[in-house]
Amino acid sequence: MIFVSINPFALKRFFFFLLAAIGLSCVSCFGESLLLSVKSTPYDNQMSRIRPILVSNGLRGRGDISLGMVNHWIGDLRSIPYGFTKEWKTPAETESGAPADCKAKAVALYQIMQSHGASNLRLVIGKRTPTSHSTHAWLEWESEAGSYVLDPTINWRAYRTSDVGRRSYVPFYAFAGTRKYRVAPATLVAQN
């Protein structure tokens, strides 16, 4: 009679290898977010003043916007003093030079870019960092040159989303024209 014994150390090593392989196959999902289309958001009532800007299709330009132009517009808006308001300001109110908050500056940049033919542009509401106490607004732009975070409240120029890092700009909701999105982390979707 032959006795077969299973070495517990080899079994543990096998399970460790299996878990490592599964974990590494999921790593590509961790940094991504998914946009889930929704009919309404908690911000809909507040945004009634700026809805015409979001849904307008003011394509004056051909859409060939350079990063230098975008950085110039960001710099102009960044130089406006910061001042929080509960009500969303229109771009005309923002450009008056009175203090403006992140919402006002993001909407003004949205209108400028849209009027010059930018496409794949989203107004995003979320948190600047996961530990931020209040929400923040910025733009995300998918161009032929890459994907960018445009934040005229904090930054002086556009940053590639890959350069921003995982600990910055945590999106909750996004708005693109008439479309509204709730942002879900890809890890949550991967778990389900």
N, C-alpha and C. Protein backbone atom coordinates (compact mmCIF):
# COMPACT_ATOMS: atom_id res chain seq x y z
N MET A 1 0.84 -1.15 0.00
CA MET A 1 0.00 0.00 0.00
C MET A 1 0.89 1.23 0.00
N ILE A 2 0.50 2.22 -0.82
CA ILE A 2 1.27 3.44 -0.95
C ILE A 2 0.48 4.59 -0.31
N PHE A 3 1.17 5.30 0.56
CA PHE A 3 0.54 6.45 1.20
C PHE A 3 0.98 7.73 0.47
N VAL A 4 -0.02 8.57 0.17
CA VAL A 4 0.27 9.85 -0.49
C VAL A 4 -0.03 10.94 0.53
N SER A 5 0.95 11.77 0.74
CA SER A 5 0.71 12.88 1.65
C SER A 5 0.78 14.19 0.87
N ILE A 6 -0.09 15.08 1.21
CA ILE A 6 -0.10 16.39 0.57
C ILE A 6 0.67 17.33 1.47
N ASN A 7 1.65 17.93 0.91
CA ASN A 7 2.47 18.87 1.65
C ASN A 7 1.69 20.18 1.82
N PRO A 8 1.35 20.58 3.05
CA PRO A 8 0.55 21.81 3.24
C PRO A 8 1.29 23.06 2.75
N PHE A 9 2.62 23.07 2.79
CA PHE A 9 3.36 24.23 2.32
C PHE A 9 3.18 24.43 0.81
N ALA A 10 3.21 23.35 0.05
CA ALA A 10 3.02 23.42 -1.40
C ALA A 10 1.60 23.89 -1.72
N LEU A 11 0.61 23.45 -0.94
CA LEU A 11 -0.77 23.86 -1.16
C LEU A 11 -0.94 25.36 -0.89
N LYS A 12 -0.31 25.85 0.17
CA LYS A 12 -0.38 27.28 0.47
C LYS A 12 0.28 28.09 -0.64
N ARG A 13 1.40 27.60 -1.15
CA ARG A 13 2.10 28.31 -2.22
C ARG A 13 1.24 28.34 -3.49
N PHE A 14 0.54 27.25 -3.76
CA PHE A 14 -0.34 27.21 -4.93
C PHE A 14 -1.45 28.24 -4.80
N PHE A 15 -2.10 28.29 -3.62
CA PHE A 15 -3.18 29.26 -3.43
C PHE A 15 -2.68 30.70 -3.46
N PHE A 16 -1.49 30.94 -2.92
CA PHE A 16 -0.90 32.27 -3.00
C PHE A 16 -0.67 32.67 -4.45
N PHE A 17 -0.13 31.76 -5.24
CA PHE A 17 0.11 32.02 -6.66
C PHE A 17 -1.22 32.29 -7.39
N LEU A 18 -2.24 31.50 -7.08
CA LEU A 18 -3.55 31.69 -7.70
C LEU A 18 -4.14 33.06 -7.34
N LEU A 19 -4.06 33.45 -6.09
CA LEU A 19 -4.58 34.76 -5.68
C LEU A 19 -3.79 35.89 -6.32
N ALA A 20 -2.48 35.74 -6.40
CA ALA A 20 -1.66 36.77 -7.04
C ALA A 20 -2.01 36.91 -8.51
N ALA A 21 -2.24 35.81 -9.21
CA ALA A 21 -2.60 35.87 -10.62
C ALA A 21 -3.95 36.55 -10.82
N ILE A 22 -4.91 36.24 -9.96
CA ILE A 22 -6.22 36.89 -10.06
C ILE A 22 -6.10 38.38 -9.75
N GLY A 23 -5.35 38.73 -8.71
CA GLY A 23 -5.16 40.13 -8.35
C GLY A 23 -4.49 40.93 -9.45
N LEU A 24 -3.45 40.38 -10.06
CA LEU A 24 -2.75 41.09 -11.13
C LEU A 24 -3.61 41.24 -12.37
N SER A 25 -4.51 40.31 -12.61
CA SER A 25 -5.37 40.44 -13.78
C SER A 25 -6.41 41.54 -13.60
N CYS A 26 -6.69 41.91 -12.35
CA CYS A 26 -7.67 42.96 -12.07
C CYS A 26 -7.06 44.33 -11.92
N VAL A 27 -5.75 44.45 -11.84
CA VAL A 27 -5.09 45.74 -11.57
C VAL A 27 -5.47 46.79 -12.60
N SER A 28 -5.64 46.42 -13.85
CA SER A 28 -5.96 47.41 -14.87
C SER A 28 -7.31 48.06 -14.63
N CYS A 29 -8.16 47.47 -13.82
CA CYS A 29 -9.49 48.03 -13.56
C CYS A 29 -9.48 49.07 -12.45
N PHE A 30 -8.45 49.12 -11.62
CA PHE A 30 -8.51 49.93 -10.42
C PHE A 30 -8.58 51.42 -10.67
N GLY A 31 -7.89 51.95 -11.64
CA GLY A 31 -7.83 53.39 -11.84
C GLY A 31 -8.94 53.96 -12.69
N GLU A 32 -9.75 53.15 -13.28
CA GLU A 32 -10.76 53.61 -14.22
C GLU A 32 -12.10 53.85 -13.53
N SER A 33 -12.91 54.70 -14.13
CA SER A 33 -14.27 54.93 -13.68
C SER A 33 -15.20 54.70 -14.85
N LEU A 34 -16.42 54.31 -14.52
CA LEU A 34 -17.42 54.09 -15.54
C LEU A 34 -18.51 55.14 -15.41
N LEU A 35 -18.99 55.64 -16.54
CA LEU A 35 -20.07 56.62 -16.53
C LEU A 35 -21.38 55.87 -16.75
N LEU A 36 -22.26 55.94 -15.78
CA LEU A 36 -23.56 55.31 -15.87
C LEU A 36 -24.60 56.38 -16.14
N SER A 37 -25.30 56.29 -17.25
CA SER A 37 -26.29 57.29 -17.63
C SER A 37 -27.44 57.29 -16.63
N VAL A 38 -27.84 58.50 -16.18
CA VAL A 38 -28.94 58.64 -15.24
C VAL A 38 -29.90 59.72 -15.74
N LYS A 39 -31.14 59.66 -15.26
CA LYS A 39 -32.14 60.66 -15.66
C LYS A 39 -32.04 61.93 -14.82
N SER A 40 -31.56 61.81 -13.58
CA SER A 40 -31.45 62.99 -12.72
C SER A 40 -30.27 62.83 -11.77
N THR A 41 -29.84 63.97 -11.24
CA THR A 41 -28.76 64.00 -10.25
C THR A 41 -29.19 64.92 -9.10
N PRO A 42 -28.51 64.86 -7.98
CA PRO A 42 -28.84 65.77 -6.88
C PRO A 42 -28.57 67.24 -7.21
N TYR A 43 -27.85 67.50 -8.30
CA TYR A 43 -27.46 68.87 -8.66
C TYR A 43 -28.39 69.51 -9.69
N ASP A 44 -29.37 68.80 -10.18
CA ASP A 44 -30.21 69.30 -11.27
C ASP A 44 -30.89 70.63 -10.95
N ASN A 45 -31.47 70.77 -9.77
CA ASN A 45 -32.16 72.02 -9.43
C ASN A 45 -31.19 73.19 -9.33
N GLN A 46 -30.01 72.96 -8.75
CA GLN A 46 -29.02 74.02 -8.61
C GLN A 46 -28.51 74.49 -9.97
N MET A 47 -28.47 73.58 -10.93
CA MET A 47 -27.84 73.88 -12.22
C MET A 47 -28.80 74.48 -13.25
N SER A 48 -29.99 74.82 -12.86
CA SER A 48 -30.96 75.33 -13.82
C SER A 48 -30.46 76.60 -14.54
N ARG A 49 -29.69 77.43 -13.87
CA ARG A 49 -29.17 78.66 -14.48
C ARG A 49 -28.15 78.38 -15.59
N ILE A 50 -27.41 77.30 -15.47
CA ILE A 50 -26.35 77.04 -16.43
C ILE A 50 -26.70 75.92 -17.43
N ARG A 51 -27.88 75.34 -17.28
CA ARG A 51 -28.29 74.27 -18.21
C ARG A 51 -28.24 74.70 -19.67
N PRO A 52 -28.65 75.93 -20.01
CA PRO A 52 -28.55 76.34 -21.42
C PRO A 52 -27.11 76.32 -21.95
N ILE A 53 -26.15 76.58 -21.10
CA ILE A 53 -24.75 76.53 -21.54
C ILE A 53 -24.33 75.10 -21.81
N LEU A 54 -24.74 74.19 -20.92
CA LEU A 54 -24.36 72.78 -21.09
C LEU A 54 -24.98 72.16 -22.33
N VAL A 55 -26.22 72.52 -22.64
CA VAL A 55 -26.91 71.86 -23.75
C VAL A 55 -26.76 72.60 -25.08
N SER A 56 -26.20 73.81 -25.06
CA SER A 56 -26.07 74.54 -26.33
C SER A 56 -25.04 73.86 -27.20
N ASN A 57 -25.25 73.97 -28.48
CA ASN A 57 -24.35 73.35 -29.44
C ASN A 57 -23.70 74.45 -30.26
N GLY A 58 -22.99 75.35 -29.57
CA GLY A 58 -22.43 76.53 -30.21
C GLY A 58 -21.10 76.26 -30.91
N LEU A 59 -21.10 75.43 -31.92
CA LEU A 59 -19.86 75.11 -32.63
C LEU A 59 -19.52 76.20 -33.62
N ARG A 60 -18.74 77.17 -33.17
CA ARG A 60 -18.27 78.21 -34.09
C ARG A 60 -17.01 77.76 -34.80
N GLY A 61 -16.15 77.11 -34.06
CA GLY A 61 -14.86 76.70 -34.60
C GLY A 61 -14.93 75.33 -35.24
N ARG A 62 -13.80 74.91 -35.75
CA ARG A 62 -13.72 73.61 -36.41
C ARG A 62 -13.39 72.49 -35.43
N GLY A 63 -13.05 72.81 -34.22
CA GLY A 63 -12.74 71.79 -33.25
C GLY A 63 -11.27 71.48 -33.12
N ASP A 64 -10.42 72.18 -33.86
CA ASP A 64 -8.97 71.93 -33.73
C ASP A 64 -8.40 72.90 -32.70
N ILE A 65 -8.60 72.56 -31.44
CA ILE A 65 -8.17 73.39 -30.32
C ILE A 65 -6.82 72.88 -29.86
N SER A 66 -5.88 73.80 -29.72
CA SER A 66 -4.55 73.41 -29.25
C SER A 66 -4.51 73.44 -27.74
N LEU A 67 -3.60 72.68 -27.19
CA LEU A 67 -3.40 72.66 -25.74
C LEU A 67 -2.95 74.03 -25.25
N GLY A 68 -2.20 74.76 -26.08
CA GLY A 68 -1.78 76.11 -25.72
C GLY A 68 -2.96 77.04 -25.54
N MET A 69 -3.96 76.93 -26.42
CA MET A 69 -5.18 77.75 -26.27
C MET A 69 -5.90 77.41 -24.98
N VAL A 70 -6.03 76.12 -24.70
CA VAL A 70 -6.73 75.68 -23.49
C VAL A 70 -5.98 76.19 -22.26
N ASN A 71 -4.66 76.08 -22.25
CA ASN A 71 -3.88 76.57 -21.12
C ASN A 71 -4.03 78.08 -20.94
N HIS A 72 -4.14 78.82 -22.04
CA HIS A 72 -4.36 80.27 -21.96
C HIS A 72 -5.71 80.57 -21.30
N TRP A 73 -6.76 79.86 -21.73
CA TRP A 73 -8.09 80.07 -21.13
C TRP A 73 -8.09 79.68 -19.66
N ILE A 74 -7.42 78.58 -19.32
CA ILE A 74 -7.34 78.17 -17.91
C ILE A 74 -6.63 79.26 -17.10
N GLY A 75 -5.53 79.79 -17.63
CA GLY A 75 -4.80 80.85 -16.94
C GLY A 75 -5.63 82.09 -16.71
N ASP A 76 -6.41 82.48 -17.73
CA ASP A 76 -7.28 83.65 -17.57
C ASP A 76 -8.31 83.44 -16.47
N LEU A 77 -8.93 82.26 -16.44
CA LEU A 77 -9.93 81.98 -15.42
C LEU A 77 -9.29 81.79 -14.04
N ARG A 78 -8.12 81.22 -14.01
CA ARG A 78 -7.40 80.99 -12.75
C ARG A 78 -7.06 82.32 -12.08
N SER A 79 -6.84 83.36 -12.88
CA SER A 79 -6.46 84.66 -12.32
C SER A 79 -7.65 85.40 -11.68
N ILE A 80 -8.87 84.93 -11.91
CA ILE A 80 -10.04 85.53 -11.25
C ILE A 80 -10.01 85.11 -9.78
N PRO A 81 -10.17 86.05 -8.85
CA PRO A 81 -10.14 85.69 -7.42
C PRO A 81 -11.22 84.67 -7.08
N TYR A 82 -10.91 83.82 -6.11
CA TYR A 82 -11.86 82.79 -5.68
C TYR A 82 -12.87 83.38 -4.71
N GLY A 83 -14.12 83.03 -4.91
CA GLY A 83 -15.19 83.42 -4.00
C GLY A 83 -16.36 82.46 -4.15
N PHE A 84 -16.70 81.75 -3.07
CA PHE A 84 -17.76 80.74 -3.11
C PHE A 84 -19.14 81.39 -3.18
N THR A 85 -20.01 80.82 -4.00
CA THR A 85 -21.42 81.19 -4.02
C THR A 85 -22.24 79.91 -4.09
N LYS A 86 -23.40 79.91 -3.45
CA LYS A 86 -24.27 78.73 -3.52
C LYS A 86 -24.87 78.58 -4.90
N GLU A 87 -25.16 79.70 -5.53
CA GLU A 87 -25.79 79.70 -6.85
C GLU A 87 -24.74 79.58 -7.95
N TRP A 88 -25.04 78.79 -8.95
CA TRP A 88 -24.14 78.64 -10.09
C TRP A 88 -24.14 79.93 -10.90
N LYS A 89 -22.97 80.48 -11.17
CA LYS A 89 -22.86 81.70 -11.97
C LYS A 89 -22.83 81.35 -13.45
N THR A 90 -23.33 82.26 -14.25
CA THR A 90 -23.23 82.10 -15.69
C THR A 90 -21.82 82.54 -16.13
N PRO A 91 -21.39 82.13 -17.31
CA PRO A 91 -20.08 82.59 -17.78
C PRO A 91 -19.97 84.11 -17.87
N ALA A 92 -21.05 84.80 -18.23
CA ALA A 92 -21.01 86.26 -18.29
C ALA A 92 -20.74 86.85 -16.91
N GLU A 93 -21.36 86.29 -15.87
CA GLU A 93 -21.12 86.77 -14.51
C GLU A 93 -19.69 86.46 -14.07
N THR A 94 -19.16 85.33 -14.50
CA THR A 94 -17.78 84.94 -14.15
C THR A 94 -16.78 85.88 -14.81
N GLU A 95 -17.00 86.19 -16.05
CA GLU A 95 -16.07 87.04 -16.80
C GLU A 95 -16.12 88.50 -16.39
N SER A 96 -17.09 88.86 -15.52
CA SER A 96 -17.18 90.25 -15.06
C SER A 96 -16.01 90.62 -14.16
N GLY A 97 -15.29 89.63 -13.67
CA GLY A 97 -14.14 89.90 -12.81
C GLY A 97 -14.45 89.77 -11.33
N ALA A 98 -15.72 89.63 -10.98
CA ALA A 98 -16.08 89.42 -9.58
C ALA A 98 -15.57 88.05 -9.14
N PRO A 99 -15.33 87.86 -7.87
CA PRO A 99 -14.85 86.56 -7.41
C PRO A 99 -15.78 85.43 -7.88
N ALA A 100 -15.15 84.29 -8.22
CA ALA A 100 -15.89 83.14 -8.74
C ALA A 100 -15.34 81.86 -8.12
N ASP A 101 -16.21 80.88 -7.97
CA ASP A 101 -15.77 79.60 -7.39
C ASP A 101 -15.51 78.57 -8.48
N CYS A 102 -15.25 77.34 -8.07
CA CYS A 102 -14.89 76.29 -9.02
C CYS A 102 -16.01 76.01 -10.01
N LYS A 103 -17.26 76.09 -9.56
CA LYS A 103 -18.39 75.84 -10.45
C LYS A 103 -18.42 76.87 -11.57
N ALA A 104 -18.29 78.13 -11.19
CA ALA A 104 -18.36 79.21 -12.17
C ALA A 104 -17.22 79.14 -13.17
N LYS A 105 -16.01 78.87 -12.70
CA LYS A 105 -14.85 78.81 -13.59
C LYS A 105 -14.94 77.61 -14.52
N ALA A 106 -15.41 76.48 -14.02
CA ALA A 106 -15.54 75.29 -14.87
C ALA A 106 -16.60 75.50 -15.95
N VAL A 107 -17.72 76.11 -15.60
CA VAL A 107 -18.77 76.36 -16.59
C VAL A 107 -18.30 77.37 -17.63
N ALA A 108 -17.58 78.39 -17.21
CA ALA A 108 -17.05 79.39 -18.16
C ALA A 108 -16.08 78.72 -19.13
N LEU A 109 -15.20 77.86 -18.64
CA LEU A 109 -14.28 77.15 -19.53
C LEU A 109 -15.03 76.21 -20.45
N TYR A 110 -16.07 75.56 -19.94
CA TYR A 110 -16.90 74.68 -20.76
C TYR A 110 -17.47 75.45 -21.95
N GLN A 111 -18.02 76.65 -21.67
CA GLN A 111 -18.62 77.45 -22.74
C GLN A 111 -17.56 77.91 -23.75
N ILE A 112 -16.41 78.35 -23.27
CA ILE A 112 -15.36 78.81 -24.17
C ILE A 112 -14.93 77.67 -25.10
N MET A 113 -14.67 76.51 -24.52
CA MET A 113 -14.21 75.38 -25.33
C MET A 113 -15.28 74.90 -26.29
N GLN A 114 -16.51 74.86 -25.83
CA GLN A 114 -17.61 74.43 -26.70
C GLN A 114 -17.80 75.40 -27.86
N SER A 115 -17.65 76.70 -27.60
CA SER A 115 -17.83 77.70 -28.66
C SER A 115 -16.71 77.62 -29.70
N HIS A 116 -15.58 77.03 -29.32
CA HIS A 116 -14.48 76.84 -30.27
C HIS A 116 -14.46 75.45 -30.89
N GLY A 117 -15.52 74.69 -30.65
CA GLY A 117 -15.67 73.40 -31.32
C GLY A 117 -15.16 72.19 -30.57
N ALA A 118 -14.89 72.31 -29.29
CA ALA A 118 -14.41 71.15 -28.53
C ALA A 118 -15.52 70.10 -28.42
N SER A 119 -15.14 68.86 -28.56
CA SER A 119 -16.07 67.76 -28.34
C SER A 119 -15.50 66.86 -27.26
N ASN A 120 -16.30 65.91 -26.82
CA ASN A 120 -15.89 64.99 -25.75
C ASN A 120 -15.47 65.76 -24.50
N LEU A 121 -16.31 66.69 -24.10
CA LEU A 121 -16.05 67.57 -22.97
C LEU A 121 -17.11 67.29 -21.91
N ARG A 122 -16.68 67.13 -20.64
CA ARG A 122 -17.60 66.85 -19.55
C ARG A 122 -17.35 67.79 -18.38
N LEU A 123 -18.41 68.31 -17.81
CA LEU A 123 -18.36 69.03 -16.54
C LEU A 123 -18.49 67.97 -15.45
N VAL A 124 -17.56 67.96 -14.51
CA VAL A 124 -17.54 66.92 -13.49
C VAL A 124 -17.69 67.54 -12.11
N ILE A 125 -18.49 66.89 -11.27
CA ILE A 125 -18.63 67.27 -9.87
C ILE A 125 -18.15 66.08 -9.04
N GLY A 126 -17.27 66.37 -8.11
CA GLY A 126 -16.74 65.32 -7.25
C GLY A 126 -15.95 65.93 -6.12
N LYS A 127 -14.88 65.27 -5.74
CA LYS A 127 -14.00 65.79 -4.69
C LYS A 127 -12.60 65.94 -5.25
N ARG A 128 -11.92 66.95 -4.82
CA ARG A 128 -10.55 67.20 -5.27
C ARG A 128 -9.63 66.08 -4.82
N THR A 129 -9.81 65.64 -3.59
CA THR A 129 -9.11 64.47 -3.04
C THR A 129 -10.13 63.64 -2.27
N PRO A 130 -9.84 62.37 -2.02
CA PRO A 130 -10.80 61.55 -1.26
C PRO A 130 -11.09 62.09 0.14
N THR A 131 -10.17 62.86 0.71
CA THR A 131 -10.38 63.38 2.07
C THR A 131 -10.95 64.80 2.10
N SER A 132 -11.24 65.38 0.93
CA SER A 132 -11.82 66.73 0.89
C SER A 132 -13.16 66.75 1.60
N HIS A 133 -13.44 67.86 2.27
CA HIS A 133 -14.70 67.99 3.00
C HIS A 133 -15.84 68.51 2.12
N SER A 134 -15.51 69.17 1.02
CA SER A 134 -16.56 69.71 0.16
C SER A 134 -16.34 69.23 -1.27
N THR A 135 -17.35 69.41 -2.09
CA THR A 135 -17.25 68.99 -3.48
C THR A 135 -16.49 70.04 -4.30
N HIS A 136 -16.13 69.65 -5.49
CA HIS A 136 -15.34 70.49 -6.39
C HIS A 136 -15.85 70.25 -7.81
N ALA A 137 -15.67 71.23 -8.69
CA ALA A 137 -16.08 71.09 -10.09
C ALA A 137 -14.88 71.34 -11.00
N TRP A 138 -14.77 70.55 -12.07
CA TRP A 138 -13.71 70.68 -13.07
C TRP A 138 -14.21 70.09 -14.38
N LEU A 139 -13.38 70.14 -15.40
CA LEU A 139 -13.73 69.55 -16.70
C LEU A 139 -12.81 68.39 -17.01
N GLU A 140 -13.32 67.46 -17.78
CA GLU A 140 -12.51 66.40 -18.37
C GLU A 140 -12.71 66.49 -19.87
N TRP A 141 -11.61 66.38 -20.60
CA TRP A 141 -11.64 66.55 -22.05
C TRP A 141 -10.88 65.41 -22.71
N GLU A 142 -11.57 64.70 -23.59
CA GLU A 142 -10.96 63.62 -24.38
C GLU A 142 -10.64 64.22 -25.75
N SER A 143 -9.36 64.47 -26.00
CA SER A 143 -8.96 65.02 -27.29
C SER A 143 -8.15 63.98 -28.06
N GLU A 144 -7.80 64.30 -29.28
CA GLU A 144 -6.98 63.39 -30.07
C GLU A 144 -5.60 63.21 -29.44
N ALA A 145 -5.14 64.23 -28.72
CA ALA A 145 -3.81 64.18 -28.08
C ALA A 145 -3.83 63.42 -26.75
N GLY A 146 -5.00 63.14 -26.21
CA GLY A 146 -5.09 62.42 -24.94
C GLY A 146 -6.25 62.90 -24.10
N SER A 147 -6.32 62.39 -22.89
CA SER A 147 -7.38 62.73 -21.95
C SER A 147 -6.82 63.70 -20.91
N TYR A 148 -7.56 64.78 -20.64
CA TYR A 148 -7.06 65.85 -19.77
C TYR A 148 -8.04 66.21 -18.67
N VAL A 149 -7.49 66.63 -17.53
CA VAL A 149 -8.24 67.26 -16.44
C VAL A 149 -7.99 68.75 -16.56
N LEU A 150 -9.08 69.52 -16.62
CA LEU A 150 -8.99 70.97 -16.76
C LEU A 150 -9.62 71.60 -15.52
N ASP A 151 -8.80 72.17 -14.67
CA ASP A 151 -9.27 72.75 -13.41
C ASP A 151 -8.78 74.19 -13.29
N PRO A 152 -9.58 75.16 -13.78
CA PRO A 152 -9.15 76.57 -13.74
C PRO A 152 -9.21 77.19 -12.36
N THR A 153 -9.64 76.46 -11.34
CA THR A 153 -9.66 76.98 -9.98
C THR A 153 -8.32 76.74 -9.29
N ILE A 154 -7.72 75.59 -9.52
CA ILE A 154 -6.51 75.20 -8.80
C ILE A 154 -5.27 75.21 -9.69
N ASN A 155 -5.40 74.78 -10.93
CA ASN A 155 -4.25 74.62 -11.82
C ASN A 155 -4.14 75.76 -12.82
N TRP A 156 -2.92 75.99 -13.30
CA TRP A 156 -2.66 77.01 -14.31
C TRP A 156 -2.63 76.42 -15.72
N ARG A 157 -2.72 75.09 -15.82
CA ARG A 157 -2.68 74.44 -17.13
C ARG A 157 -3.40 73.10 -17.07
N ALA A 158 -3.62 72.51 -18.23
CA ALA A 158 -4.25 71.20 -18.33
C ALA A 158 -3.27 70.11 -17.92
N TYR A 159 -3.77 69.07 -17.31
CA TYR A 159 -2.95 67.92 -16.94
C TYR A 159 -3.54 66.66 -17.55
N ARG A 160 -2.67 65.80 -18.06
CA ARG A 160 -3.14 64.49 -18.54
C ARG A 160 -3.72 63.73 -17.35
N THR A 161 -4.80 63.02 -17.61
CA THR A 161 -5.42 62.25 -16.52
C THR A 161 -4.45 61.23 -15.96
N SER A 162 -3.55 60.72 -16.78
CA SER A 162 -2.57 59.74 -16.31
C SER A 162 -1.54 60.38 -15.38
N ASP A 163 -1.35 61.70 -15.44
CA ASP A 163 -0.39 62.40 -14.59
C ASP A 163 -1.01 62.89 -13.28
N VAL A 164 -2.31 62.89 -13.21
CA VAL A 164 -3.00 63.43 -12.03
C VAL A 164 -2.85 62.49 -10.84
N GLY A 165 -2.91 61.21 -11.06
CA GLY A 165 -2.78 60.24 -9.97
C GLY A 165 -4.13 59.80 -9.46
N ARG A 166 -4.10 58.72 -8.74
CA ARG A 166 -5.34 58.10 -8.25
C ARG A 166 -5.90 58.79 -7.02
N ARG A 167 -5.11 59.61 -6.36
CA ARG A 167 -5.56 60.25 -5.13
C ARG A 167 -6.12 61.64 -5.37
N SER A 168 -6.29 62.03 -6.61
CA SER A 168 -6.83 63.35 -6.93
C SER A 168 -8.01 63.22 -7.87
N TYR A 169 -8.91 64.19 -7.78
CA TYR A 169 -10.06 64.29 -8.67
C TYR A 169 -10.91 63.01 -8.66
N VAL A 170 -11.73 62.91 -7.63
CA VAL A 170 -12.62 61.77 -7.46
C VAL A 170 -14.00 62.17 -7.98
N PRO A 171 -14.41 61.70 -9.15
CA PRO A 171 -15.68 62.14 -9.74
C PRO A 171 -16.90 61.45 -9.12
N PHE A 172 -18.00 62.20 -9.01
CA PHE A 172 -19.28 61.67 -8.56
C PHE A 172 -20.31 61.72 -9.70
N TYR A 173 -20.42 62.88 -10.34
CA TYR A 173 -21.37 63.09 -11.43
C TYR A 173 -20.69 63.81 -12.57
N ALA A 174 -21.17 63.57 -13.79
CA ALA A 174 -20.62 64.24 -14.96
C ALA A 174 -21.77 64.68 -15.86
N PHE A 175 -21.56 65.78 -16.56
CA PHE A 175 -22.56 66.35 -17.44
C PHE A 175 -21.91 66.65 -18.78
N ALA A 176 -22.54 66.18 -19.85
CA ALA A 176 -22.03 66.43 -21.20
C ALA A 176 -23.22 66.72 -22.09
N GLY A 177 -23.43 67.99 -22.40
CA GLY A 177 -24.60 68.36 -23.20
C GLY A 177 -25.87 68.05 -22.44
N THR A 178 -26.76 67.28 -23.05
CA THR A 178 -28.01 66.90 -22.39
C THR A 178 -27.86 65.64 -21.55
N ARG A 179 -26.72 65.00 -21.63
CA ARG A 179 -26.51 63.73 -20.91
C ARG A 179 -26.00 63.97 -19.50
N LYS A 180 -26.49 63.12 -18.59
CA LYS A 180 -26.08 63.17 -17.19
C LYS A 180 -25.57 61.78 -16.81
N TYR A 181 -24.52 61.76 -15.99
CA TYR A 181 -23.91 60.49 -15.61
C TYR A 181 -23.64 60.45 -14.11
N ARG A 182 -23.78 59.28 -13.56
CA ARG A 182 -23.28 58.99 -12.23
C ARG A 182 -22.01 58.18 -12.45
N VAL A 183 -20.98 58.51 -11.72
CA VAL A 183 -19.70 57.84 -11.91
C VAL A 183 -19.58 56.70 -10.93
N ALA A 184 -19.25 55.54 -11.45
CA ALA A 184 -19.06 54.35 -10.61
C ALA A 184 -17.62 53.87 -10.80
N PRO A 185 -16.94 53.56 -9.69
CA PRO A 185 -15.58 53.02 -9.84
C PRO A 185 -15.64 51.66 -10.53
N ALA A 186 -14.69 51.40 -11.40
CA ALA A 186 -14.65 50.14 -12.13
C ALA A 186 -14.48 48.97 -11.18
N THR A 187 -13.84 49.19 -10.03
CA THR A 187 -13.66 48.09 -9.08
C THR A 187 -14.99 47.60 -8.55
N LEU A 188 -15.95 48.55 -8.34
CA LEU A 188 -17.26 48.16 -7.87
C LEU A 188 -17.98 47.34 -8.93
N VAL A 189 -17.89 47.75 -10.18
CA VAL A 189 -18.53 47.02 -11.26
C VAL A 189 -17.87 45.66 -11.43
N ALA A 190 -16.54 45.61 -11.30
CA ALA A 190 -15.82 44.34 -11.45
C ALA A 190 -16.22 43.36 -10.35
N GLN A 191 -16.50 43.86 -9.15
CA GLN A 191 -16.92 42.97 -8.05
C GLN A 191 -18.29 42.40 -8.30
N ASN A 192 -19.16 43.16 -8.95
CA ASN A 192 -20.53 42.70 -9.19
C ASN A 192 -20.60 41.88 -10.45
